[in-house]
Amino acid sequence: MPPRLSFHPPLLNTASPWATTEAHLRDLLLCPSTGAVTTRTSLIDGFPHSPDRHRYAFFDPATGKASSSGTFSGPPEDSNTNVTDAKDTADAPLATLNTLGYSPLPLSQYLSIISSLSSAATSTPPKTIIISVTGSPAEISTCHNLIQTFSSSTSCPFPLAMEINLSCPNIPNLPPPAYSSSSLTSYLDALPSNPSIPIGIKIPPYTHAGQFDSLVASLLGTTTTIPSPTSFSISIPASKLSFLTATNTLGSCILLDSLDSSGGYQETLPGEGIGGMAGPPLHPLALGNVATLRRRFDQDPRLVHLEIIGVGGVYNGEGYKRMRHVGARAVGIATALGRRGVEVFTSIEDEIKSAW
C-alpha cells in the first residue's frame, strides 16, 4: 500500500490564487486551524500568466451579479495578501468564476519557498505541504522525482505530498485528463510503483455515472467491467495513489454584467467570458461527487485505501460537517479563503467547537 496522507486537523486550503506566494503559504502554515497546506498548481517551467486574459471575479450566487469591486488577476500582479471585498456584506457567501491558469511560479521556486519556511514549522509534527503540480505525463514523472528528492533532503522542514492536477483545461490541445480514461491512464502509468511520499490526483466535477465508471476502471487498470476483488499482490494503478481531491471548478460557466444604457449585457471576464465556477453553487455537486466516490471505493478492497479531500463551496462549519458526513477524510477550501483570508479556518473550528 502507498504511504498514507495523514494530518490533523482535517482542514486545509486547496490549490488556488490565494496559495501562490511565500506570504500566502506562511499565513496558512501559521494558522492553528489548518492541518496541511496546498500550494497553487505549478508547472516545471511556470505558467505564462497574462493579467489581461487570466482573471477571476466574485459574484453573488443568488443574483448572478458580479462583485462591485471588479475582477482580479491574482498574484503577482495583485496584492500578495488574501483578497477580501469590503464592499460586500461579510455574511453573504460569494462564489467565483475564473479564467486563470496555473501558478506563474515554477516548481523549483515552490521547493525553494518551502525550504525558506522552516521558521513557520511551528506545529509538532510539522504540517504536511501538498505540492500541486501538472503537465504532461513525462513532466509529472520529473516533478515527482524532484519532490521526492527534496523531501528526503535536510533543507525540507515539512512532510510532503504531491497532488497531480488533472482537472483544468490549460494543457494545450488536451481536455482535462481526468475526463479521459486513456489520458488518465497515461498519467497513472508514469507514476512510480512504490512511492515514498503520498501521491494524489485532483479531479474535475463528474456529472453522470459513466464518468465515475471510467475513473474506477482506470484506477483498477481495466476498461471492461470491474472484476471481483482479487489479491492485493496484483499491482493496479490505484496502488500508486494515496488520495483524490474532489472536486475542482465547474467549467463552461459565464457571468454577464448589465449595460444600463442599452439594456444589454457584456461578459464579466475577458474574451468570451467562459470560465470555471467555484464556491457555494458548486457545493451540492461536490457533495455528490465525494459521496459517490466514497461508496465506489468502499465497494472494492483494492480502492478502499484511497482518501478523499472534499472540496467545493465550503465556507462555514455546516459545510465542513456535510463534507465529512459524505466521506471526506479532510475538507479543502479555496473561494472562502479568497474572500475571508485564513480567518475562515479559525471560524469553522469555532463553529464546530473543534469537534473534528
Protein backbone atom coordinates (compact mmCIF):
# COMPACT_ATOMS: atom_id res chain seq x y z
CA MET A 1 0.00 0.00 0.00
CA PRO A 2 1.19 3.57 -0.69
CA PRO A 3 2.05 5.92 2.20
CA ARG A 4 -0.99 7.36 3.89
CA LEU A 5 -1.84 11.05 3.72
CA SER A 6 -2.37 11.82 7.37
CA PHE A 7 -2.72 15.18 9.13
CA HIS A 8 -4.81 16.92 11.78
CA PRO A 9 -7.00 18.90 11.92
CA PRO A 10 -8.61 17.65 8.69
CA LEU A 11 -8.99 21.14 7.26
CA LEU A 12 -6.77 22.80 4.66
CA ASN A 13 -6.67 25.12 1.69
CA THR A 14 -6.67 23.86 -1.87
CA ALA A 15 -4.68 24.98 -4.91
CA SER A 16 -5.89 28.49 -5.76
CA PRO A 17 -4.67 32.05 -6.38
CA TRP A 18 -4.56 32.52 -2.61
CA ALA A 19 -1.81 29.90 -2.23
CA THR A 20 0.60 31.41 -4.76
CA THR A 21 3.23 33.29 -2.82
CA GLU A 22 5.51 32.71 0.14
CA ALA A 23 3.38 35.14 2.15
CA HIS A 24 0.25 33.11 1.41
CA LEU A 25 1.87 29.82 2.39
CA ARG A 26 3.36 31.26 5.57
CA ASP A 27 -0.03 32.57 6.70
CA LEU A 28 -1.60 29.18 6.02
CA LEU A 29 1.13 27.33 7.89
CA LEU A 30 0.85 29.60 10.90
CA CYS A 31 -2.93 29.27 11.11
CA PRO A 32 -3.65 26.87 14.00
CA SER A 33 -6.85 25.60 12.36
CA THR A 34 -5.19 24.12 9.25
CA GLY A 35 -3.72 20.64 9.36
CA ALA A 36 -2.00 20.86 5.99
CA VAL A 37 -1.24 23.42 3.28
CA THR A 38 -1.57 23.07 -0.50
CA THR A 39 0.44 25.14 -2.98
CA ARG A 40 -1.06 26.64 -6.11
CA THR A 41 -0.69 24.24 -9.03
CA SER A 42 2.70 24.70 -10.69
CA LEU A 43 4.50 23.51 -13.80
CA ILE A 44 8.18 22.71 -14.11
CA ASP A 45 8.75 25.96 -16.01
CA GLY A 46 5.84 28.00 -14.64
CA PHE A 47 2.65 29.10 -16.40
CA PRO A 48 2.70 32.11 -18.77
CA HIS A 49 0.26 34.18 -16.75
CA SER A 50 -1.30 37.12 -18.59
CA PRO A 51 -3.15 39.58 -16.33
CA ASP A 52 -5.33 40.68 -19.23
CA ARG A 53 -6.50 37.14 -20.06
CA HIS A 54 -6.34 35.31 -16.74
CA ARG A 55 -8.71 36.82 -14.21
CA TYR A 56 -11.34 35.95 -11.63
CA ALA A 57 -14.41 37.62 -10.19
CA PHE A 58 -16.52 37.16 -7.08
CA PHE A 59 -20.27 37.02 -7.65
CA ASP A 60 -23.50 36.69 -5.69
CA PRO A 61 -24.90 33.21 -6.41
CA ALA A 62 -28.42 34.40 -5.60
CA THR A 63 -28.49 37.17 -8.22
CA GLY A 64 -25.72 36.16 -10.61
CA LYS A 65 -24.26 39.66 -10.31
CA ALA A 66 -20.51 40.16 -10.11
CA SER A 67 -19.00 41.98 -7.16
CA SER A 68 -18.77 45.73 -7.47
CA SER A 69 -15.00 45.56 -6.98
CA GLY A 70 -14.44 44.21 -10.49
CA THR A 71 -12.11 41.41 -11.48
CA PHE A 72 -8.67 40.34 -10.26
CA SER A 73 -5.69 38.74 -11.95
CA GLY A 74 -4.19 37.19 -8.84
CA PRO A 75 -0.57 37.35 -7.70
CA PRO A 76 1.93 38.60 -8.61
CA GLU A 77 0.02 41.46 -10.27
CA ASP A 78 -2.50 41.81 -7.45
CA SER A 79 -1.68 42.11 -3.77
CA ASN A 80 0.10 39.18 -2.14
CA THR A 81 -2.39 39.24 0.71
CA ASN A 82 -5.68 37.36 0.61
CA VAL A 83 -8.42 39.31 -1.12
CA THR A 84 -11.38 40.47 0.95
CA ASP A 85 -14.11 42.52 -0.68
CA ALA A 86 -15.03 45.08 1.96
CA LYS A 87 -17.93 46.41 -0.13
CA ASP A 88 -19.86 43.17 0.19
CA THR A 89 -21.54 42.08 3.41
CA ALA A 90 -19.46 39.52 5.24
CA ASP A 91 -22.44 37.26 5.90
CA ALA A 92 -23.35 36.69 2.26
CA PRO A 93 -21.40 33.82 0.70
CA LEU A 94 -19.83 34.72 -2.64
CA ALA A 95 -18.91 32.43 -5.50
CA THR A 96 -16.10 32.85 -8.02
CA LEU A 97 -15.68 32.48 -11.73
CA ASN A 98 -12.18 32.35 -13.17
CA THR A 99 -10.26 32.16 -16.41
CA LEU A 100 -6.99 31.67 -14.54
CA GLY A 101 -4.24 29.26 -15.47
CA TYR A 102 -1.69 27.70 -13.20
CA SER A 103 0.86 29.43 -11.00
CA PRO A 104 3.39 31.70 -12.73
CA LEU A 105 5.96 30.35 -10.27
CA PRO A 106 7.80 27.19 -11.38
CA LEU A 107 8.01 24.08 -9.21
CA SER A 108 11.64 24.84 -8.32
CA GLN A 109 10.56 28.14 -6.78
CA TYR A 110 7.99 26.41 -4.59
CA LEU A 111 10.64 23.99 -3.36
CA SER A 112 12.82 26.99 -2.52
CA ILE A 113 9.92 28.71 -0.73
CA ILE A 114 9.20 25.59 1.31
CA SER A 115 12.84 25.43 2.35
CA SER A 116 12.74 29.07 3.46
CA LEU A 117 9.59 28.49 5.55
CA SER A 118 11.37 26.47 8.23
CA SER A 119 10.58 29.18 10.79
CA ALA A 120 6.87 28.51 10.14
CA ALA A 121 7.23 24.84 11.09
CA THR A 122 5.76 25.62 14.49
CA SER A 123 3.47 22.61 14.96
CA THR A 124 4.50 19.18 16.23
CA PRO A 125 4.73 17.28 14.00
CA PRO A 126 5.21 19.88 11.24
CA LYS A 127 2.27 20.35 8.90
CA THR A 128 2.18 18.44 5.64
CA ILE A 129 2.61 20.52 2.49
CA ILE A 130 0.82 19.19 -0.56
CA ILE A 131 2.63 20.38 -3.68
CA SER A 132 0.14 20.65 -6.53
CA VAL A 133 1.64 20.11 -9.99
CA THR A 134 0.57 19.44 -13.55
CA GLY A 135 1.98 18.98 -17.05
CA SER A 136 2.45 16.05 -19.41
CA PRO A 137 2.89 12.52 -18.01
CA ALA A 138 6.66 12.79 -18.56
CA GLU A 139 6.73 16.16 -16.78
CA ILE A 140 4.74 14.71 -13.88
CA SER A 141 7.35 11.96 -13.55
CA THR A 142 10.04 14.64 -13.39
CA CYS A 143 8.02 16.60 -10.83
CA HIS A 144 7.74 13.52 -8.66
CA ASN A 145 11.47 12.87 -8.81
CA LEU A 146 12.22 16.47 -7.83
CA ILE A 147 9.73 16.49 -4.96
CA GLN A 148 10.77 13.08 -3.67
CA THR A 149 14.45 14.05 -3.69
CA PHE A 150 13.72 17.35 -1.98
CA SER A 151 11.53 15.64 0.61
CA SER A 152 14.43 13.49 1.82
CA SER A 153 16.89 16.39 1.94
CA THR A 154 17.91 18.28 5.07
CA SER A 155 16.58 21.52 3.56
CA CYS A 156 12.97 20.29 3.67
CA PRO A 157 11.40 21.03 7.08
CA PHE A 158 7.95 19.56 6.31
CA PRO A 159 6.41 16.23 5.30
CA LEU A 160 5.48 16.48 1.61
CA ALA A 161 2.81 15.03 -0.64
CA MET A 162 2.21 15.53 -4.36
CA GLU A 163 -1.15 16.35 -5.92
CA ILE A 164 -1.44 15.97 -9.71
CA ASN A 165 -3.99 18.44 -11.02
CA LEU A 166 -5.78 16.59 -13.83
CA SER A 167 -8.87 18.77 -13.78
CA CYS A 168 -8.02 22.03 -15.58
CA PRO A 169 -8.31 22.72 -19.33
CA ASN A 170 -4.97 24.56 -19.53
CA ILE A 171 -2.84 21.78 -21.01
CA PRO A 172 -2.53 22.70 -24.72
CA ASN A 173 -4.65 20.62 -27.12
CA LEU A 174 -5.99 18.35 -24.37
CA PRO A 175 -9.21 18.18 -22.35
CA PRO A 176 -8.87 17.86 -18.58
CA PRO A 177 -7.09 14.47 -18.34
CA ALA A 178 -9.39 13.10 -15.64
CA TYR A 179 -12.28 13.28 -18.14
CA SER A 180 -10.49 10.85 -20.47
CA SER A 181 -9.81 7.24 -19.45
CA SER A 182 -6.87 6.88 -21.84
CA SER A 183 -5.34 10.18 -20.77
CA LEU A 184 -5.79 9.41 -17.08
CA THR A 185 -4.21 6.00 -17.61
CA SER A 186 -1.14 7.59 -19.20
CA TYR A 187 -0.63 9.69 -16.07
CA LEU A 188 -1.09 6.75 -13.73
CA ASP A 189 1.40 4.72 -15.80
CA ALA A 190 4.00 7.46 -15.31
CA LEU A 191 3.91 7.17 -11.52
CA PRO A 192 6.35 5.05 -9.50
CA SER A 193 5.14 1.62 -8.36
CA ASN A 194 6.32 2.16 -4.78
CA PRO A 195 6.09 5.87 -3.96
CA SER A 196 7.75 7.10 -0.79
CA ILE A 197 5.53 10.18 -0.48
CA PRO A 198 1.72 10.29 -0.73
CA ILE A 199 0.52 10.98 -4.28
CA GLY A 200 -2.98 12.05 -5.22
CA ILE A 201 -4.93 13.30 -8.20
CA LYS A 202 -7.26 16.28 -8.36
CA ILE A 203 -10.32 15.57 -10.46
CA PRO A 204 -12.96 17.78 -12.11
CA PRO A 205 -16.68 17.59 -11.31
CA TYR A 206 -18.34 14.43 -12.61
CA THR A 207 -21.97 14.74 -13.68
CA HIS A 208 -23.01 11.23 -14.74
CA ALA A 209 -22.37 7.62 -13.76
CA GLY A 210 -20.27 6.85 -16.82
CA GLN A 211 -17.58 9.28 -15.66
CA PHE A 212 -17.32 7.52 -12.30
CA ASP A 213 -17.21 4.16 -14.10
CA SER A 214 -14.36 5.40 -16.28
CA LEU A 215 -12.39 6.68 -13.29
CA VAL A 216 -12.76 3.43 -11.37
CA ALA A 217 -11.81 1.40 -14.44
CA SER A 218 -8.66 3.47 -14.86
CA LEU A 219 -7.78 3.07 -11.18
CA LEU A 220 -8.21 -0.67 -11.46
CA GLY A 221 -6.31 -0.91 -14.73
CA THR A 222 -9.18 -2.21 -16.81
CA THR A 223 -11.52 -0.71 -19.38
CA THR A 224 -14.03 -3.53 -19.08
CA THR A 225 -16.50 -4.47 -16.37
CA ILE A 226 -14.98 -4.12 -12.91
CA PRO A 227 -13.87 -7.61 -11.83
CA SER A 228 -14.40 -9.21 -8.46
CA PRO A 229 -11.79 -8.24 -5.85
CA THR A 230 -8.55 -10.17 -6.24
CA SER A 231 -5.34 -10.48 -4.30
CA PHE A 232 -3.64 -7.27 -3.16
CA SER A 233 -0.40 -8.74 -4.51
CA ILE A 234 -1.57 -7.81 -8.01
CA SER A 235 -0.41 -4.26 -8.69
CA ILE A 236 -3.06 -1.90 -10.04
CA PRO A 237 -2.78 1.82 -10.80
CA ALA A 238 -4.68 2.73 -7.63
CA SER A 239 -1.91 1.17 -5.55
CA LYS A 240 0.27 4.13 -6.56
CA LEU A 241 -2.18 6.67 -5.13
CA SER A 242 -2.95 7.72 -1.58
CA PHE A 243 -5.75 10.25 -2.14
CA LEU A 244 -8.05 12.10 -4.52
CA THR A 245 -9.04 15.75 -4.31
CA ALA A 246 -12.66 16.17 -5.42
CA THR A 247 -13.65 18.43 -6.92
CA ASN A 248 -12.23 21.29 -8.97
CA THR A 249 -14.18 24.13 -10.58
CA LEU A 250 -17.08 23.53 -12.95
CA GLY A 251 -16.20 24.71 -16.45
CA SER A 252 -18.22 26.30 -19.25
CA CYS A 253 -19.77 28.94 -16.98
CA ILE A 254 -20.24 32.62 -17.73
CA LEU A 255 -21.02 35.84 -15.85
CA LEU A 256 -22.76 38.75 -17.56
CA ASP A 257 -22.79 42.39 -16.48
CA SER A 258 -25.79 44.52 -17.45
CA LEU A 259 -25.28 47.61 -19.57
CA ASP A 260 -27.65 50.18 -18.10
CA SER A 261 -27.61 52.45 -21.12
CA SER A 262 -28.62 49.85 -23.70
CA GLY A 263 -30.32 47.16 -21.65
CA GLY A 264 -27.84 44.62 -22.97
CA TYR A 265 -25.10 42.58 -21.35
CA GLN A 266 -21.37 42.11 -21.57
CA GLU A 267 -19.08 39.36 -20.34
CA THR A 268 -17.58 39.98 -16.90
CA LEU A 269 -14.34 38.13 -17.65
CA PRO A 270 -12.06 38.66 -20.66
CA GLY A 271 -12.52 37.14 -24.09
CA GLU A 272 -15.65 35.02 -24.40
CA GLY A 273 -16.02 35.18 -20.61
CA ILE A 274 -16.20 31.40 -20.18
CA GLY A 275 -14.56 30.13 -17.00
CA GLY A 276 -14.61 27.73 -14.08
CA MET A 277 -17.09 28.27 -11.27
CA ALA A 278 -16.37 27.64 -7.60
CA GLY A 279 -17.97 28.40 -4.27
CA PRO A 280 -21.48 27.78 -2.85
CA PRO A 281 -23.23 26.96 -6.17
CA LEU A 282 -20.81 24.05 -6.59
CA HIS A 283 -21.43 22.64 -3.12
CA PRO A 284 -24.27 20.14 -3.86
CA LEU A 285 -22.40 18.74 -6.86
CA ALA A 286 -19.17 18.46 -4.86
CA LEU A 287 -21.00 16.65 -2.05
CA GLY A 288 -22.50 14.24 -4.56
CA ASN A 289 -19.08 13.58 -6.10
CA VAL A 290 -17.49 12.84 -2.73
CA ALA A 291 -20.39 10.62 -1.63
CA THR A 292 -20.34 8.64 -4.88
CA LEU A 293 -16.57 8.20 -4.86
CA ARG A 294 -16.53 7.05 -1.24
CA ARG A 295 -19.25 4.48 -1.91
CA ARG A 296 -17.48 3.22 -5.01
CA PHE A 297 -14.11 2.95 -3.27
CA ASP A 298 -15.60 1.19 -0.26
CA GLN A 299 -17.13 -1.47 -2.51
CA ASP A 300 -13.70 -2.73 -3.60
CA PRO A 301 -10.89 -3.58 -1.14
CA ARG A 302 -8.36 -2.53 -3.75
CA LEU A 303 -9.68 1.04 -3.63
CA VAL A 304 -10.76 1.40 -0.01
CA HIS A 305 -7.37 2.85 0.98
CA LEU A 306 -7.94 5.96 -1.16
CA GLU A 307 -8.67 9.01 0.99
CA ILE A 308 -10.77 11.89 -0.35
CA ILE A 309 -10.12 15.58 0.21
CA GLY A 310 -13.59 17.06 -0.25
CA VAL A 311 -13.65 20.44 -1.95
CA GLY A 312 -16.38 22.67 -3.26
CA GLY A 313 -18.36 25.52 -1.75
CA VAL A 314 -17.50 25.03 1.92
CA TYR A 315 -17.44 28.36 3.74
CA ASN A 316 -18.68 27.55 7.26
CA GLY A 317 -18.92 24.83 9.88
CA GLU A 318 -22.10 23.33 8.43
CA GLY A 319 -20.44 22.91 5.04
CA TYR A 320 -17.45 21.28 6.71
CA LYS A 321 -19.70 18.82 8.55
CA ARG A 322 -21.62 17.97 5.38
CA MET A 323 -18.38 17.14 3.57
CA ARG A 324 -17.22 14.93 6.40
CA HIS A 325 -20.62 13.24 6.56
CA VAL A 326 -20.46 12.10 2.93
CA GLY A 327 -16.99 10.60 3.34
CA ALA A 328 -14.32 13.28 3.02
CA ARG A 329 -11.22 12.42 5.05
CA ALA A 330 -10.35 16.13 5.03
CA VAL A 331 -12.03 19.30 3.76
CA GLY A 332 -10.41 21.82 1.44
CA ILE A 333 -11.28 25.49 0.94
CA ALA A 334 -10.46 27.96 -1.83
CA THR A 335 -13.14 30.58 -2.58
CA ALA A 336 -13.89 31.28 1.09
CA LEU A 337 -10.15 31.69 1.69
CA GLY A 338 -10.02 34.30 -1.06
CA ARG A 339 -13.00 36.07 0.46
CA ARG A 340 -12.10 35.97 4.14
CA GLY A 341 -8.42 35.07 4.43
CA VAL A 342 -7.13 32.44 6.87
CA GLU A 343 -9.71 33.59 9.42
CA VAL A 344 -12.17 31.30 7.64
CA PHE A 345 -10.38 28.25 9.07
CA THR A 346 -10.50 29.59 12.62
CA SER A 347 -14.16 30.48 12.17
CA ILE A 348 -15.00 26.94 11.05
CA GLU A 349 -13.15 25.44 14.00
CA ASP A 350 -15.06 27.75 16.35
CA GLU A 351 -18.39 26.84 14.76
CA ILE A 352 -17.82 23.10 15.14
CA LYS A 353 -16.26 23.60 18.58
CA SER A 354 -13.11 21.76 17.46
CA ALA A 355 -15.13 18.55 17.06
CA TRP A 356 -13.17 17.38 14.07
